């Protein structure tokens, strides 16, 4: 089963990150919500940060502001996912360049649209 980490996962049902959790699970992905403020989101155990993930992660989908992305860059690089999806509002050119230089695929897109169109 392919594992996807959702950085900035929210327990609020109206948030895109919460909708992504549901749709990723419905599509058969193993989902790891990343949020230091909650022990569980939608019945899934959360991790406080990417550094707490010890298993292989295929994709990290970002739901944090573009200004906060650099704070997570060291953990993203250490985790070495196959790709990182920069959802609208998360784009950070310096972080994108650093990930690409490390051989990690960088995608500017919307996880929800990608799932809906079969391009995830």
PDB file of N, CA and C in Angstrom:
ATOM      1  N   UNK A   1       0.850  -1.182   0.000  1.00  0.00           N
ATOM      2  CA  UNK A   1       0.000   0.000   0.000  1.00  0.00           C
ATOM      3  C   UNK A   1       0.896   1.246   0.000  1.00  0.00           C
ATOM      4  N   UNK A   2       0.580   2.200  -0.814  1.00  0.00           N
ATOM      5  CA  UNK A   2       1.345   3.426  -0.937  1.00  0.00           C
ATOM      6  C   UNK A   2       1.020   4.359   0.229  1.00  0.00           C
ATOM      7  N   UNK A   3       2.061   4.930   0.828  1.00  0.00           N
ATOM      8  CA  UNK A   3       1.895   5.804   1.983  1.00  0.00           C
ATOM      9  C   UNK A   3       2.032   7.264   1.569  1.00  0.00           C
ATOM     10  N   UNK A   4       1.084   8.076   2.070  1.00  0.00           N
ATOM     11  CA  UNK A   4       1.074   9.510   1.802  1.00  0.00           C
ATOM     12  C   UNK A   4       1.021  10.244   3.138  1.00  0.00           C
ATOM     13  N   UNK A   5       1.940  11.175   3.343  1.00  0.00           N
ATOM     14  CA  UNK A   5       1.919  12.020   4.534  1.00  0.00           C
ATOM     15  C   UNK A   5       1.262  13.346   4.172  1.00  0.00           C
ATOM     16  N   UNK A   6       0.345  13.798   5.031  1.00  0.00           N
ATOM     17  CA  UNK A   6      -0.357  15.063   4.825  1.00  0.00           C
ATOM     18  C   UNK A   6       0.177  16.053   5.858  1.00  0.00           C
ATOM     19  N   UNK A   7       1.084  16.925   5.425  1.00  0.00           N
ATOM     20  CA  UNK A   7       1.687  17.910   6.320  1.00  0.00           C
ATOM     21  C   UNK A   7       0.746  19.099   6.458  1.00  0.00           C
ATOM     22  N   UNK A   8       0.293  19.330   7.694  1.00  0.00           N
ATOM     23  CA  UNK A   8      -0.682  20.388   7.938  1.00  0.00           C
ATOM     24  C   UNK A   8      -2.096  19.847   7.976  1.00  0.00           C
ATOM     25  N   UNK A   9      -2.230  18.554   8.254  1.00  0.00           N
ATOM     26  CA  UNK A   9      -3.551  17.922   8.336  1.00  0.00           C
ATOM     27  C   UNK A   9      -4.394  18.638   9.394  1.00  0.00           C
ATOM     28  N   UNK A  10      -5.672  18.773   9.101  1.00  0.00           N
ATOM     29  CA  UNK A  10      -6.583  19.475  10.005  1.00  0.00           C
ATOM     30  C   UNK A  10      -7.779  18.596  10.360  1.00  0.00           C
ATOM     31  N   UNK A  11      -8.246  18.696  11.617  1.00  0.00           N
ATOM     32  CA  UNK A  11      -9.455  17.971  12.001  1.00  0.00           C
ATOM     33  C   UNK A  11     -10.730  18.670  11.529  1.00  0.00           C
ATOM     34  N   UNK A  12     -10.604  19.877  11.007  1.00  0.00           N
ATOM     35  CA  UNK A  12     -11.774  20.649  10.575  1.00  0.00           C
ATOM     36  C   UNK A  12     -12.237  20.159   9.204  1.00  0.00           C
ATOM     37  N   UNK A  13     -13.480  19.702   9.138  1.00  0.00           N
ATOM     38  CA  UNK A  13     -14.024  19.101   7.924  1.00  0.00           C
ATOM     39  C   UNK A  13     -14.069  20.004   6.711  1.00  0.00           C
ATOM     40  N   UNK A  14     -14.047  21.319   6.920  1.00  0.00           N
ATOM     41  CA  UNK A  14     -14.116  22.239   5.784  1.00  0.00           C
ATOM     42  C   UNK A  14     -12.741  22.576   5.211  1.00  0.00           C
ATOM     43  N   UNK A  15     -11.680  22.065   5.812  1.00  0.00           N
ATOM     44  CA  UNK A  15     -10.325  22.342   5.331  1.00  0.00           C
ATOM     45  C   UNK A  15      -9.943  21.376   4.213  1.00  0.00           C
ATOM     46  N   UNK A  16      -9.202  21.885   3.241  1.00  0.00           N
ATOM     47  CA  UNK A  16      -8.780  21.043   2.119  1.00  0.00           C
ATOM     48  C   UNK A  16      -7.920  19.871   2.587  1.00  0.00           C
ATOM     49  N   UNK A  17      -7.096  20.089   3.605  1.00  0.00           N
ATOM     50  CA  UNK A  17      -6.256  18.990   4.093  1.00  0.00           C
ATOM     51  C   UNK A  17      -7.102  17.859   4.666  1.00  0.00           C
ATOM     52  N   UNK A  18      -8.217  18.210   5.295  1.00  0.00           N
ATOM     53  CA  UNK A  18      -9.117  17.189   5.834  1.00  0.00           C
ATOM     54  C   UNK A  18      -9.811  16.439   4.699  1.00  0.00           C
ATOM     55  N   UNK A  19     -10.239  17.170   3.701  1.00  0.00           N
ATOM     56  CA  UNK A  19     -10.866  16.541   2.532  1.00  0.00           C
ATOM     57  C   UNK A  19      -9.867  15.602   1.841  1.00  0.00           C
ATOM     58  N   UNK A  20      -8.600  16.028   1.780  1.00  0.00           N
ATOM     59  CA  UNK A  20      -7.573  15.190   1.159  1.00  0.00           C
ATOM     60  C   UNK A  20      -7.387  13.890   1.941  1.00  0.00           C
ATOM     61  N   UNK A  21      -7.398  13.962   3.266  1.00  0.00           N
ATOM     62  CA  UNK A  21      -7.296  12.745   4.086  1.00  0.00           C
ATOM     63  C   UNK A  21      -8.361  11.736   3.677  1.00  0.00           C
ATOM     64  N   UNK A  22      -9.598  12.215   3.610  1.00  0.00           N
ATOM     65  CA  UNK A  22     -10.721  11.332   3.266  1.00  0.00           C
ATOM     66  C   UNK A  22     -10.571  10.741   1.869  1.00  0.00           C
ATOM     67  N   UNK A  23     -10.254  11.592   0.908  1.00  0.00           N
ATOM     68  CA  UNK A  23     -10.174  11.120  -0.481  1.00  0.00           C
ATOM     69  C   UNK A  23      -8.988  10.190  -0.695  1.00  0.00           C
ATOM     70  N   UNK A  24      -7.885  10.460  -0.030  1.00  0.00           N
ATOM     71  CA  UNK A  24      -6.730   9.571  -0.142  1.00  0.00           C
ATOM     72  C   UNK A  24      -7.056   8.193   0.430  1.00  0.00           C
ATOM     73  N   UNK A  25      -7.720   8.171   1.601  1.00  0.00           N
ATOM     74  CA  UNK A  25      -8.120   6.892   2.190  1.00  0.00           C
ATOM     75  C   UNK A  25      -9.097   6.155   1.278  1.00  0.00           C
ATOM     76  N   UNK A  26     -10.068   6.880   0.738  1.00  0.00           N
ATOM     77  CA  UNK A  26     -11.055   6.262  -0.157  1.00  0.00           C
ATOM     78  C   UNK A  26     -10.397   5.675  -1.395  1.00  0.00           C
ATOM     79  N   UNK A  27      -9.290   6.285  -1.824  1.00  0.00           N
ATOM     80  CA  UNK A  27      -8.583   5.817  -3.011  1.00  0.00           C
ATOM     81  C   UNK A  27      -7.612   4.675  -2.683  1.00  0.00           C
ATOM     82  N   UNK A  28      -7.537   4.282  -1.406  1.00  0.00           N
ATOM     83  CA  UNK A  28      -6.727   3.130  -1.036  1.00  0.00           C
ATOM     84  C   UNK A  28      -5.317   3.425  -0.559  1.00  0.00           C
ATOM     85  N   UNK A  29      -5.024   4.684  -0.274  1.00  0.00           N
ATOM     86  CA  UNK A  29      -3.695   5.037   0.220  1.00  0.00           C
ATOM     87  C   UNK A  29      -3.638   4.920   1.740  1.00  0.00           C
ATOM     88  N   UNK A  30      -2.465   4.595   2.263  1.00  0.00           N
ATOM     89  CA  UNK A  30      -2.231   4.673   3.700  1.00  0.00           C
ATOM     90  C   UNK A  30      -1.863   6.120   3.973  1.00  0.00           C
ATOM     91  N   UNK A  31      -2.572   6.757   4.909  1.00  0.00           N
ATOM     92  CA  UNK A  31      -2.407   8.185   5.156  1.00  0.00           C
ATOM     93  C   UNK A  31      -1.828   8.417   6.553  1.00  0.00           C
ATOM     94  N   UNK A  32      -0.820   9.269   6.609  1.00  0.00           N
ATOM     95  CA  UNK A  32      -0.247   9.685   7.884  1.00  0.00           C
ATOM     96  C   UNK A  32      -0.478  11.188   8.032  1.00  0.00           C
ATOM     97  N   UNK A  33      -1.391  11.591   8.925  1.00  0.00           N
ATOM     98  CA  UNK A  33      -1.586  13.020   9.165  1.00  0.00           C
ATOM     99  C   UNK A  33      -0.433  13.570  10.005  1.00  0.00           C
ATOM    100  N   UNK A  34       0.066  14.745   9.625  1.00  0.00           N
ATOM    101  CA  UNK A  34       1.159  15.382  10.355  1.00  0.00           C
ATOM    102  C   UNK A  34       0.645  16.701  10.916  1.00  0.00           C
ATOM    103  N   UNK A  35       0.542  16.751  12.252  1.00  0.00           N
ATOM    104  CA  UNK A  35       0.068  17.945  12.935  1.00  0.00           C
ATOM    105  C   UNK A  35       0.434  17.816  14.407  1.00  0.00           C
ATOM    106  N   UNK A  36       1.271  18.706  14.929  1.00  0.00           N
ATOM    107  CA  UNK A  36       1.700  18.579  16.322  1.00  0.00           C
ATOM    108  C   UNK A  36       0.608  18.866  17.348  1.00  0.00           C
ATOM    109  N   UNK A  37      -0.496  19.439  16.926  1.00  0.00           N
ATOM    110  CA  UNK A  37      -1.540  19.836  17.864  1.00  0.00           C
ATOM    111  C   UNK A  37      -2.631  18.820  18.119  1.00  0.00           C
ATOM    112  N   UNK A  38      -2.574  17.671  17.460  1.00  0.00           N
ATOM    113  CA  UNK A  38      -3.650  16.681  17.598  1.00  0.00           C
ATOM    114  C   UNK A  38      -3.071  15.277  17.656  1.00  0.00           C
ATOM    115  N   UNK A  39      -3.595  14.450  18.561  1.00  0.00           N
ATOM    116  CA  UNK A  39      -3.147  13.056  18.674  1.00  0.00           C
ATOM    117  C   UNK A  39      -3.766  12.203  17.572  1.00  0.00           C
ATOM    118  N   UNK A  40      -4.980  12.578  17.162  1.00  0.00           N
ATOM    119  CA  UNK A  40      -5.693  11.861  16.104  1.00  0.00           C
ATOM    120  C   UNK A  40      -6.440  12.854  15.235  1.00  0.00           C
ATOM    121  N   UNK A  41      -6.583  12.515  13.979  1.00  0.00           N
ATOM    122  CA  UNK A  41      -7.435  13.277  13.060  1.00  0.00           C
ATOM    123  C   UNK A  41      -8.218  12.256  12.256  1.00  0.00           C
ATOM    124  N   UNK A  42      -9.526  12.359  12.322  1.00  0.00           N
ATOM    125  CA  UNK A  42     -10.418  11.453  11.590  1.00  0.00           C
ATOM    126  C   UNK A  42     -10.100   9.984  11.903  1.00  0.00           C
ATOM    127  N   UNK A  43      -9.773   9.727  13.174  1.00  0.00           N
ATOM    128  CA  UNK A  43      -9.508   8.356  13.597  1.00  0.00           C
ATOM    129  C   UNK A  43      -8.117   7.847  13.267  1.00  0.00           C
ATOM    130  N   UNK A  44      -7.305   8.661  12.629  1.00  0.00           N
ATOM    131  CA  UNK A  44      -5.931   8.275  12.284  1.00  0.00           C
ATOM    132  C   UNK A  44      -4.964   8.873  13.298  1.00  0.00           C
ATOM    133  N   UNK A  45      -4.025   8.071  13.768  1.00  0.00           N
ATOM    134  CA  UNK A  45      -2.994   8.580  14.665  1.00  0.00           C
ATOM    135  C   UNK A  45      -2.122   9.570  13.903  1.00  0.00           C
ATOM    136  N   UNK A  46      -1.868  10.712  14.515  1.00  0.00           N
ATOM    137  CA  UNK A  46      -1.028  11.720  13.867  1.00  0.00           C
ATOM    138  C   UNK A  46       0.403  11.617  14.377  1.00  0.00           C
ATOM    139  N   UNK A  47       1.305  12.223  13.639  1.00  0.00           N
ATOM    140  CA  UNK A  47       2.668  12.433  14.096  1.00  0.00           C
ATOM    141  C   UNK A  47       2.866  13.940  14.188  1.00  0.00           C
ATOM    142  N   UNK A  48       3.718  14.358  15.123  1.00  0.00           N
ATOM    143  CA  UNK A  48       3.933  15.789  15.330  1.00  0.00           C
ATOM    144  C   UNK A  48       4.762  16.412  14.212  1.00  0.00           C
ATOM    145  N   UNK A  49       5.626  15.604  13.603  1.00  0.00           N
ATOM    146  CA  UNK A  49       6.477  16.123  12.535  1.00  0.00           C
ATOM    147  C   UNK A  49       6.918  15.010  11.611  1.00  0.00           C
ATOM    148  N   UNK A  50       7.397  15.381  10.448  1.00  0.00           N
ATOM    149  CA  UNK A  50       7.838  14.392   9.467  1.00  0.00           C
ATOM    150  C   UNK A  50       8.969  13.524  10.001  1.00  0.00           C
ATOM    151  N   UNK A  51       9.767  14.066  10.914  1.00  0.00           N
ATOM    152  CA  UNK A  51      10.880  13.326  11.486  1.00  0.00           C
ATOM    153  C   UNK A  51      10.454  12.128  12.316  1.00  0.00           C
ATOM    154  N   UNK A  52       9.186  12.063  12.692  1.00  0.00           N
ATOM    155  CA  UNK A  52       8.675  10.932  13.473  1.00  0.00           C
ATOM    156  C   UNK A  52       8.272   9.745  12.598  1.00  0.00           C
ATOM    157  N   UNK A  53       8.275   9.932  11.295  1.00  0.00           N
ATOM    158  CA  UNK A  53       7.867   8.850  10.388  1.00  0.00           C
ATOM    159  C   UNK A  53       9.073   7.961  10.109  1.00  0.00           C
ATOM    160  N   UNK A  54       8.914   6.670  10.408  1.00  0.00           N
ATOM    161  CA  UNK A  54      10.039   5.746  10.234  1.00  0.00           C
ATOM    162  C   UNK A  54       9.864   4.826   9.034  1.00  0.00           C
ATOM    163  N   UNK A  55       8.733   4.905   8.360  1.00  0.00           N
ATOM    164  CA  UNK A  55       8.490   4.046   7.202  1.00  0.00           C
ATOM    165  C   UNK A  55       8.702   4.823   5.908  1.00  0.00           C
ATOM    166  N   UNK A  56       8.795   4.087   4.822  1.00  0.00           N
ATOM    167  CA  UNK A  56       8.945   4.721   3.510  1.00  0.00           C
ATOM    168  C   UNK A  56       7.661   5.476   3.155  1.00  0.00           C
ATOM    169  N   UNK A  57       7.827   6.680   2.665  1.00  0.00           N
ATOM    170  CA  UNK A  57       6.702   7.519   2.260  1.00  0.00           C
ATOM    171  C   UNK A  57       6.852   7.827   0.781  1.00  0.00           C
ATOM    172  N   UNK A  58       5.812   7.534   0.019  1.00  0.00           N
ATOM    173  CA  UNK A  58       5.845   7.816  -1.414  1.00  0.00           C
ATOM    174  C   UNK A  58       5.679   9.302  -1.684  1.00  0.00           C
ATOM    175  N   UNK A  59       4.674   9.905  -1.026  1.00  0.00           N
ATOM    176  CA  UNK A  59       4.304  11.284  -1.322  1.00  0.00           C
ATOM    177  C   UNK A  59       4.058  12.058  -0.035  1.00  0.00           C
ATOM    178  N   UNK A  60       4.541  13.300  -0.011  1.00  0.00           N
ATOM    179  CA  UNK A  60       4.157  14.243   1.036  1.00  0.00           C
ATOM    180  C   UNK A  60       3.367  15.334   0.335  1.00  0.00           C
ATOM    181  N   UNK A  61       2.149  15.579   0.812  1.00  0.00           N
ATOM    182  CA  UNK A  61       1.333  16.647   0.245  1.00  0.00           C
ATOM    183  C   UNK A  61       1.259  17.761   1.279  1.00  0.00           C
ATOM    184  N   UNK A  62       1.570  18.977   0.840  1.00  0.00           N
ATOM    185  CA  UNK A  62       1.736  20.106   1.748  1.00  0.00           C
ATOM    186  C   UNK A  62       0.473  20.945   1.884  1.00  0.00           C
ATOM    187  N   UNK A  63       0.116  21.209   3.140  1.00  0.00           N
ATOM    188  CA  UNK A  63      -0.994  22.097   3.479  1.00  0.00           C
ATOM    189  C   UNK A  63      -0.550  23.054   4.574  1.00  0.00           C
ATOM    190  N   UNK A  64       0.608  23.673   4.376  1.00  0.00           N
ATOM    191  CA  UNK A  64       1.107  24.719   5.266  1.00  0.00           C
ATOM    192  C   UNK A  64       1.429  25.929   4.402  1.00  0.00           C
ATOM    193  N   UNK A  65       1.497  27.099   5.008  1.00  0.00           N
ATOM    194  CA  UNK A  65       1.766  28.299   4.214  1.00  0.00           C
ATOM    195  C   UNK A  65       3.163  28.236   3.597  1.00  0.00           C
ATOM    196  N   UNK A  66       3.317  28.929   2.494  1.00  0.00           N
ATOM    197  CA  UNK A  66       4.607  28.925   1.798  1.00  0.00           C
ATOM    198  C   UNK A  66       5.731  29.423   2.702  1.00  0.00           C
ATOM    199  N   UNK A  67       5.409  30.327   3.627  1.00  0.00           N
ATOM    200  CA  UNK A  67       6.414  30.850   4.546  1.00  0.00           C
ATOM    201  C   UNK A  67       6.900  29.790   5.533  1.00  0.00           C
ATOM    202  N   UNK A  68       6.064  28.799   5.833  1.00  0.00           N
ATOM    203  CA  UNK A  68       6.423  27.760   6.800  1.00  0.00           C
ATOM    204  C   UNK A  68       7.109  26.555   6.157  1.00  0.00           C
ATOM    205  N   UNK A  69       7.073  26.459   4.837  1.00  0.00           N
ATOM    206  CA  UNK A  69       7.674  25.307   4.156  1.00  0.00           C
ATOM    207  C   UNK A  69       9.163  25.160   4.492  1.00  0.00           C
ATOM    208  N   UNK A  70       9.972  26.248   4.494  1.00  0.00           N
ATOM    209  CA  UNK A  70      11.393  26.082   4.814  1.00  0.00           C
ATOM    210  C   UNK A  70      11.643  25.460   6.199  1.00  0.00           C
ATOM    211  N   UNK A  71      10.731  25.685   7.153  1.00  0.00           N
ATOM    212  CA  UNK A  71      10.872  25.086   8.479  1.00  0.00           C
ATOM    213  C   UNK A  71      10.844  23.558   8.406  1.00  0.00           C
ATOM    214  N   UNK A  72      10.152  23.037   7.412  1.00  0.00           N
ATOM    215  CA  UNK A  72       9.981  21.589   7.264  1.00  0.00           C
ATOM    216  C   UNK A  72      10.979  20.975   6.277  1.00  0.00           C
ATOM    217  N   UNK A  73      11.761  21.813   5.616  1.00  0.00           N
ATOM    218  CA  UNK A  73      12.661  21.322   4.571  1.00  0.00           C
ATOM    219  C   UNK A  73      13.669  20.283   5.064  1.00  0.00           C
ATOM    220  N   UNK A  74      14.333  20.484   6.201  1.00  0.00           N
ATOM    221  CA  UNK A  74      15.278  19.447   6.646  1.00  0.00           C
ATOM    222  C   UNK A  74      14.616  18.072   6.829  1.00  0.00           C
ATOM    223  N   UNK A  75      13.419  18.046   7.400  1.00  0.00           N
ATOM    224  CA  UNK A  75      12.720  16.780   7.592  1.00  0.00           C
ATOM    225  C   UNK A  75      12.244  16.198   6.261  1.00  0.00           C
ATOM    226  N   UNK A  76      11.836  17.044   5.336  1.00  0.00           N
ATOM    227  CA  UNK A  76      11.439  16.562   4.007  1.00  0.00           C
ATOM    228  C   UNK A  76      12.627  15.898   3.313  1.00  0.00           C
ATOM    229  N   UNK A  77      13.770  16.552   3.374  1.00  0.00           N
ATOM    230  CA  UNK A  77      14.965  16.003   2.731  1.00  0.00           C
ATOM    231  C   UNK A  77      15.394  14.694   3.393  1.00  0.00           C
ATOM    232  N   UNK A  78      15.295  14.623   4.726  1.00  0.00           N
ATOM    233  CA  UNK A  78      15.688  13.407   5.444  1.00  0.00           C
ATOM    234  C   UNK A  78      14.724  12.254   5.178  1.00  0.00           C
ATOM    235  N   UNK A  79      13.441  12.565   5.020  1.00  0.00           N
ATOM    236  CA  UNK A  79      12.427  11.540   4.773  1.00  0.00           C
ATOM    237  C   UNK A  79      12.592  10.918   3.386  1.00  0.00           C
ATOM    238  N   UNK A  80      13.047  11.710   2.434  1.00  0.00           N
ATOM    239  CA  UNK A  80      13.278  11.267   1.056  1.00  0.00           C
ATOM    240  C   UNK A  80      12.045  10.626   0.402  1.00  0.00           C
ATOM    241  N   UNK A  81      10.926  11.335   0.392  1.00  0.00           N
ATOM    242  CA  UNK A  81       9.777  10.788  -0.333  1.00  0.00           C
ATOM    243  C   UNK A  81      10.066  10.800  -1.828  1.00  0.00           C
ATOM    244  N   UNK A  82       9.295  10.028  -2.585  1.00  0.00           N
ATOM    245  CA  UNK A  82       9.463  10.044  -4.038  1.00  0.00           C
ATOM    246  C   UNK A  82       9.095  11.412  -4.595  1.00  0.00           C
ATOM    247  N   UNK A  83       8.031  12.025  -4.018  1.00  0.00           N
ATOM    248  CA  UNK A  83       7.598  13.340  -4.509  1.00  0.00           C
ATOM    249  C   UNK A  83       6.971  14.145  -3.387  1.00  0.00           C
ATOM    250  N   UNK A  84       6.951  15.458  -3.612  1.00  0.00           N
ATOM    251  CA  UNK A  84       6.288  16.396  -2.708  1.00  0.00           C
ATOM    252  C   UNK A  84       5.328  17.220  -3.554  1.00  0.00           C
ATOM    253  N   UNK A  85       4.079  17.260  -3.120  1.00  0.00           N
ATOM    254  CA  UNK A  85       3.061  18.044  -3.827  1.00  0.00           C
ATOM    255  C   UNK A  85       2.887  19.384  -3.107  1.00  0.00           C
ATOM    256  N   UNK A  86       3.112  20.458  -3.844  1.00  0.00           N
ATOM    257  CA  UNK A  86       2.894  21.807  -3.342  1.00  0.00           C
ATOM    258  C   UNK A  86       1.492  22.233  -3.765  1.00  0.00           C
ATOM    259  N   UNK A  87       0.551  22.132  -2.837  1.00  0.00           N
ATOM    260  CA  UNK A  87      -0.820  22.550  -3.107  1.00  0.00           C
ATOM    261  C   UNK A  87      -0.863  24.070  -3.208  1.00  0.00           C
ATOM    262  N   UNK A  88      -1.916  24.638  -3.835  1.00  0.00           N
ATOM    263  CA  UNK A  88      -2.008  26.088  -3.983  1.00  0.00           C
ATOM    264  C   UNK A  88      -1.795  26.811  -2.648  1.00  0.00           C
ATOM    265  N   UNK A  89      -0.908  27.800  -2.658  1.00  0.00           N
ATOM    266  CA  UNK A  89      -0.604  28.570  -1.468  1.00  0.00           C
ATOM    267  C   UNK A  89       0.599  28.068  -0.696  1.00  0.00           C
ATOM    268  N   UNK A  90       1.136  26.910  -1.083  1.00  0.00           N
ATOM    269  CA  UNK A  90       2.301  26.360  -0.380  1.00  0.00           C
ATOM    270  C   UNK A  90       3.586  26.534  -1.173  1.00  0.00           C
ATOM    271  N   UNK A  91       3.499  27.022  -2.390  1.00  0.00           N
ATOM    272  CA  UNK A  91       4.651  27.101  -3.273  1.00  0.00           C
ATOM    273  C   UNK A  91       5.772  27.927  -2.646  1.00  0.00           C
ATOM    274  N   UNK A  92       6.977  27.367  -2.652  1.00  0.00           N
ATOM    275  CA  UNK A  92       8.152  28.049  -2.121  1.00  0.00           C
ATOM    276  C   UNK A  92       9.320  27.692  -3.042  1.00  0.00           C
ATOM    277  N   UNK A  93       9.710  28.615  -3.933  1.00  0.00           N
ATOM    278  CA  UNK A  93      10.722  28.299  -4.936  1.00  0.00           C
ATOM    279  C   UNK A  93      12.037  27.762  -4.373  1.00  0.00           C
ATOM    280  N   UNK A  94      12.527  28.328  -3.283  1.00  0.00           N
ATOM    281  CA  UNK A  94      13.800  27.857  -2.724  1.00  0.00           C
ATOM    282  C   UNK A  94      13.675  26.419  -2.237  1.00  0.00           C
ATOM    283  N   UNK A  95      12.577  26.104  -1.566  1.00  0.00           N
ATOM    284  CA  UNK A  95      12.360  24.734  -1.085  1.00  0.00           C
ATOM    285  C   UNK A  95      12.166  23.779  -2.262  1.00  0.00           C
ATOM    286  N   UNK A  96      11.458  24.232  -3.270  1.00  0.00           N
ATOM    287  CA  UNK A  96      11.236  23.397  -4.450  1.00  0.00           C
ATOM    288  C   UNK A  96      12.559  23.070  -5.125  1.00  0.00           C
ATOM    289  N   UNK A  97      13.428  24.070  -5.243  1.00  0.00           N
ATOM    290  CA  UNK A  97      14.744  23.847  -5.851  1.00  0.00           C
ATOM    291  C   UNK A  97      15.569  22.866  -5.022  1.00  0.00           C
ATOM    292  N   UNK A  98      15.552  23.021  -3.704  1.00  0.00           N
ATOM    293  CA  UNK A  98      16.333  22.135  -2.826  1.00  0.00           C
ATOM    294  C   UNK A  98      15.853  20.695  -2.928  1.00  0.00           C
ATOM    295  N   UNK A  99      14.545  20.497  -2.990  1.00  0.00           N
ATOM    296  CA  UNK A  99      13.994  19.145  -3.120  1.00  0.00           C
ATOM    297  C   UNK A  99      14.376  18.538  -4.473  1.00  0.00           C
ATOM    298  N   UNK A 100      14.230  19.336  -5.532  1.00  0.00           N
ATOM    299  CA  UNK A 100      14.571  18.840  -6.875  1.00  0.00           C
ATOM    300  C   UNK A 100      16.052  18.473  -6.957  1.00  0.00           C
ATOM    301  N   UNK A 101      16.908  19.300  -6.357  1.00  0.00           N
ATOM    302  CA  UNK A 101      18.347  19.017  -6.359  1.00  0.00           C
ATOM    303  C   UNK A 101      18.666  17.723  -5.613  1.00  0.00           C
ATOM    304  N   UNK A 102      17.806  17.371  -4.639  1.00  0.00           N
ATOM    305  CA  UNK A 102      17.997  16.133  -3.868  1.00  0.00           C
ATOM    306  C   UNK A 102      17.383  14.925  -4.584  1.00  0.00           C
ATOM    307  N   UNK A 103      16.832  15.146  -5.782  1.00  0.00           N
ATOM    308  CA  UNK A 103      16.263  14.046  -6.554  1.00  0.00           C
ATOM    309  C   UNK A 103      14.832  13.701  -6.192  1.00  0.00           C
ATOM    310  N   UNK A 104      14.166  14.604  -5.483  1.00  0.00           N
ATOM    311  CA  UNK A 104      12.775  14.398  -5.100  1.00  0.00           C
ATOM    312  C   UNK A 104      11.887  15.122  -6.115  1.00  0.00           C
ATOM    313  N   UNK A 105      10.913  14.400  -6.652  1.00  0.00           N
ATOM    314  CA  UNK A 105      10.001  15.005  -7.628  1.00  0.00           C
ATOM    315  C   UNK A 105       9.179  16.092  -6.958  1.00  0.00           C
ATOM    316  N   UNK A 106       9.100  17.248  -7.594  1.00  0.00           N
ATOM    317  CA  UNK A 106       8.336  18.387  -7.098  1.00  0.00           C
ATOM    318  C   UNK A 106       7.139  18.586  -8.010  1.00  0.00           C
ATOM    319  N   UNK A 107       5.957  18.632  -7.419  1.00  0.00           N
ATOM    320  CA  UNK A 107       4.730  18.810  -8.190  1.00  0.00           C
ATOM    321  C   UNK A 107       3.989  20.028  -7.655  1.00  0.00           C
ATOM    322  N   UNK A 108       3.684  20.972  -8.541  1.00  0.00           N
ATOM    323  CA  UNK A 108       2.802  22.080  -8.193  1.00  0.00           C
ATOM    324  C   UNK A 108       1.421  21.666  -8.656  1.00  0.00           C
ATOM    325  N   UNK A 109       0.537  21.397  -7.724  1.00  0.00           N
ATOM    326  CA  UNK A 109      -0.792  20.948  -8.097  1.00  0.00           C
ATOM    327  C   UNK A 109      -1.680  20.857  -6.881  1.00  0.00           C
ATOM    328  N   UNK A 110      -2.901  20.466  -7.118  1.00  0.00           N
ATOM    329  CA  UNK A 110      -3.878  20.307  -6.050  1.00  0.00           C
ATOM    330  C   UNK A 110      -4.151  18.818  -5.875  1.00  0.00           C
ATOM    331  N   UNK A 111      -3.867  18.306  -4.694  1.00  0.00           N
ATOM    332  CA  UNK A 111      -4.085  16.891  -4.418  1.00  0.00           C
ATOM    333  C   UNK A 111      -5.518  16.484  -4.722  1.00  0.00           C
ATOM    334  N   UNK A 112      -6.483  17.311  -4.339  1.00  0.00           N
ATOM    335  CA  UNK A 112      -7.897  16.970  -4.561  1.00  0.00           C
ATOM    336  C   UNK A 112      -8.218  16.878  -6.053  1.00  0.00           C
ATOM    337  N   UNK A 113      -7.708  17.799  -6.838  1.00  0.00           N
ATOM    338  CA  UNK A 113      -7.934  17.766  -8.289  1.00  0.00           C
ATOM    339  C   UNK A 113      -7.221  16.560  -8.892  1.00  0.00           C
ATOM    340  N   UNK A 114      -5.999  16.302  -8.442  1.00  0.00           N
ATOM    341  CA  UNK A 114      -5.237  15.168  -8.968  1.00  0.00           C
ATOM    342  C   UNK A 114      -5.976  13.854  -8.698  1.00  0.00           C
ATOM    343  N   UNK A 115      -6.531  13.714  -7.484  1.00  0.00           N
ATOM    344  CA  UNK A 115      -7.297  12.503  -7.162  1.00  0.00           C
ATOM    345  C   UNK A 115      -8.560  12.410  -8.013  1.00  0.00           C
ATOM    346  N   UNK A 116      -9.234  13.529  -8.204  1.00  0.00           N
ATOM    347  CA  UNK A 116     -10.484  13.545  -8.969  1.00  0.00           C
ATOM    348  C   UNK A 116     -10.275  13.243 -10.447  1.00  0.00           C
ATOM    349  N   UNK A 117      -9.090  13.593 -10.959  1.00  0.00           N
ATOM    350  CA  UNK A 117      -8.835  13.422 -12.389  1.00  0.00           C
ATOM    351  C   UNK A 117      -7.977  12.197 -12.700  1.00  0.00           C
ATOM    352  N   UNK A 118      -7.626  11.419 -11.661  1.00  0.00           N
ATOM    353  CA  UNK A 118      -6.831  10.218 -11.886  1.00  0.00           C
ATOM    354  C   UNK A 118      -5.371  10.490 -12.187  1.00  0.00           C
ATOM    355  N   UNK A 119      -4.866  11.667 -11.811  1.00  0.00           N
ATOM    356  CA  UNK A 119      -3.471  11.994 -12.086  1.00  0.00           C
ATOM    357  C   UNK A 119      -2.608  11.965 -10.822  1.00  0.00           C
ATOM    358  N   UNK A 120      -3.163  11.485  -9.721  1.00  0.00           N
ATOM    359  CA  UNK A 120      -2.406  11.428  -8.475  1.00  0.00           C
ATOM    360  C   UNK A 120      -1.356  10.343  -8.572  1.00  0.00           C
TER     361      UNK A 120
END
